[in-house]
Amino acid sequence: MLKIVEREAVTVHGWLTTLQPSNSPEELAEMSKQKMRAKEEYASKIEGELLAVNAVIDGDQCYLIGDTETAETRPSEFELPAGTYACFDLSYTDQVELDQLIGQSYGELMQNEAYQIAGNFNLEEYTSVGKLSFYTPVKKKAQ
């Protein structure tokens, strides 16, 4: 279910993976596998709340695993600006299902009469096993 929320700016510090598109019918599943590998590699290094940012950076689809703690051992960061975000609370059993739910969330947002997508990034905020809050920046549509 879509909620519209105001978020303060936050910087996610962590490890960046550039996702490789496969240009095949299985592209979503392949991207999901790449995200899962990144989580498996880096999530154990996170002590606080696990965050993941999907973003287009310099033309590449990237996935950043981290949290808001600054540490010299974290080579990458992504600044999420303050502003209005669409929020979806999602429950999932695996990465492929999660990515399908995120796709459905975007579909719901594209059909929204009041708001439209306003950025090329989103935030996955993991709240417990199999649950997360998914945020993407939005702005009001011109009336």
Protein backbone atom coordinates (compact mmCIF):
# COMPACT_ATOMS: atom_id res chain seq x y z
CA MET A 1 0.00 0.00 0.00
CA LEU A 2 1.33 3.39 -1.05
CA LYS A 3 2.07 6.02 1.59
CA ILE A 4 3.50 9.47 0.86
CA VAL A 5 6.11 10.53 3.43
CA GLU A 6 8.61 13.32 3.95
CA ARG A 7 12.17 12.13 4.56
CA GLU A 8 15.22 13.99 5.79
CA ALA A 9 18.44 13.77 3.81
CA VAL A 10 20.51 10.69 4.59
CA THR A 11 23.86 9.43 3.36
CA VAL A 12 24.28 5.69 2.94
CA HIS A 13 27.87 4.50 3.35
CA GLY A 14 28.81 1.08 2.03
CA TRP A 15 29.90 -1.03 -0.89
CA LEU A 16 28.83 -0.38 -4.48
CA THR A 17 28.18 -3.11 -7.04
CA THR A 18 27.64 -2.26 -10.70
CA LEU A 19 24.86 -4.52 -11.98
CA GLN A 20 25.41 -6.03 -15.40
CA PRO A 21 22.31 -6.09 -17.64
CA SER A 22 21.86 -9.35 -19.53
CA ASN A 23 19.38 -8.13 -22.19
CA SER A 24 17.59 -11.47 -21.98
CA PRO A 25 14.08 -12.55 -21.01
CA GLU A 26 15.57 -13.56 -17.65
CA GLU A 27 17.06 -10.12 -17.01
CA LEU A 28 15.06 -9.46 -13.80
CA ALA A 29 16.09 -12.83 -12.36
CA GLU A 30 19.73 -12.23 -13.32
CA MET A 31 19.74 -8.74 -11.74
CA SER A 32 18.14 -10.28 -8.63
CA LYS A 33 20.98 -12.82 -8.43
CA GLN A 34 23.56 -10.02 -8.67
CA LYS A 35 21.81 -8.08 -5.88
CA MET A 36 21.63 -11.22 -3.72
CA ARG A 37 25.36 -11.85 -4.20
CA ALA A 38 26.10 -8.25 -3.17
CA LYS A 39 23.95 -8.62 -0.05
CA GLU A 40 25.61 -11.93 0.84
CA GLU A 41 29.05 -10.36 0.48
CA TYR A 42 28.45 -7.10 2.35
CA ALA A 43 25.40 -7.38 4.67
CA SER A 44 27.42 -9.19 7.36
CA LYS A 45 29.68 -6.12 7.58
CA ILE A 46 26.71 -3.93 8.57
CA GLU A 47 26.07 -3.59 12.30
CA GLY A 48 23.13 -1.17 12.14
CA GLU A 49 20.01 -1.15 10.02
CA LEU A 50 20.70 -2.61 6.57
CA LEU A 51 20.05 -0.20 3.71
CA ALA A 52 20.35 -0.74 -0.02
CA VAL A 53 20.23 1.95 -2.71
CA ASN A 54 19.40 1.22 -6.34
CA ALA A 55 20.64 4.09 -8.48
CA VAL A 56 21.77 4.99 -11.95
CA ILE A 57 25.27 6.41 -11.50
CA ASP A 58 27.18 7.65 -14.56
CA GLY A 59 24.83 5.64 -16.78
CA ASP A 60 25.30 2.35 -14.89
CA GLN A 61 22.71 0.55 -12.77
CA CYS A 62 24.31 0.31 -9.32
CA TYR A 63 23.40 -1.31 -6.01
CA LEU A 64 24.88 0.05 -2.78
CA ILE A 65 24.73 -2.05 0.41
CA GLY A 66 25.38 -0.16 3.64
CA ASP A 67 23.96 1.91 6.47
CA THR A 68 24.25 5.46 7.79
CA GLU A 69 27.42 4.81 9.80
CA THR A 70 30.59 6.36 8.42
CA ALA A 71 33.62 4.13 8.37
CA GLU A 72 36.93 4.31 6.54
CA THR A 73 36.44 0.74 5.35
CA ARG A 74 33.41 1.73 3.26
CA PRO A 75 34.54 2.94 -0.14
CA SER A 76 31.24 4.33 -1.46
CA GLU A 77 28.41 6.59 -0.42
CA PHE A 78 25.13 7.82 -1.83
CA GLU A 79 23.30 10.94 -0.68
CA LEU A 80 19.52 10.63 -0.64
CA PRO A 81 18.09 14.14 -0.64
CA ALA A 82 15.41 15.37 1.73
CA GLY A 83 11.99 15.45 0.17
CA THR A 84 8.78 13.64 -0.65
CA TYR A 85 8.94 9.88 -1.11
CA ALA A 86 6.49 7.13 -1.93
CA CYS A 87 6.80 4.39 0.68
CA PHE A 88 5.72 0.77 0.29
CA ASP A 89 5.99 -1.76 3.14
CA LEU A 90 6.84 -5.07 1.45
CA SER A 91 7.02 -8.68 2.65
CA TYR A 92 8.95 -11.19 0.53
CA THR A 93 10.46 -14.67 0.59
CA ASP A 94 13.40 -14.22 -1.81
CA GLN A 95 15.19 -11.60 -3.91
CA VAL A 96 13.29 -12.40 -7.13
CA GLU A 97 9.95 -11.93 -5.37
CA LEU A 98 11.22 -8.72 -3.78
CA ASP A 99 12.28 -7.31 -7.16
CA GLN A 100 8.87 -8.26 -8.61
CA LEU A 101 7.14 -6.45 -5.72
CA ILE A 102 9.33 -3.40 -6.29
CA GLY A 103 8.33 -3.49 -9.98
CA GLN A 104 4.66 -3.69 -8.97
CA SER A 105 5.20 -0.73 -6.61
CA TYR A 106 6.54 1.32 -9.52
CA GLY A 107 3.52 0.24 -11.60
CA GLU A 108 1.15 1.38 -8.85
CA LEU A 109 2.99 4.68 -8.59
CA MET A 110 2.86 5.26 -12.37
CA GLN A 111 -0.93 4.93 -12.20
CA ASN A 112 -1.21 7.32 -9.25
CA GLU A 113 -3.22 10.41 -10.16
CA ALA A 114 -1.52 12.79 -7.71
CA TYR A 115 2.19 11.83 -7.73
CA GLN A 116 4.90 10.88 -10.21
CA ILE A 117 8.40 9.45 -9.91
CA ALA A 118 11.00 12.18 -9.37
CA GLY A 119 14.40 10.48 -9.42
CA ASN A 120 16.57 7.66 -10.75
CA PHE A 121 17.16 5.96 -7.40
CA ASN A 122 15.33 4.18 -4.62
CA LEU A 123 16.02 3.00 -1.08
CA GLU A 124 15.41 -0.42 0.45
CA GLU A 125 15.28 -0.17 4.25
CA TYR A 126 15.33 -3.66 5.76
CA THR A 127 13.21 -3.76 8.92
CA SER A 128 13.28 -7.50 9.76
CA VAL A 129 13.69 -10.86 8.04
CA GLY A 130 11.53 -10.85 4.90
CA LYS A 131 10.29 -7.28 5.42
CA LEU A 132 11.40 -3.89 4.19
CA SER A 133 10.24 -0.38 3.51
CA PHE A 134 10.82 0.67 -0.09
CA TYR A 135 11.16 4.40 -0.86
CA THR A 136 11.32 6.24 -4.16
CA PRO A 137 11.30 10.04 -4.62
CA VAL A 138 8.10 11.55 -5.98
CA LYS A 139 6.62 14.94 -6.80
CA LYS A 140 3.08 16.15 -7.24
CA LYS A 141 1.77 16.03 -10.79
CA ALA A 142 0.87 19.33 -12.39
CA GLN A 143 -2.90 19.79 -12.24
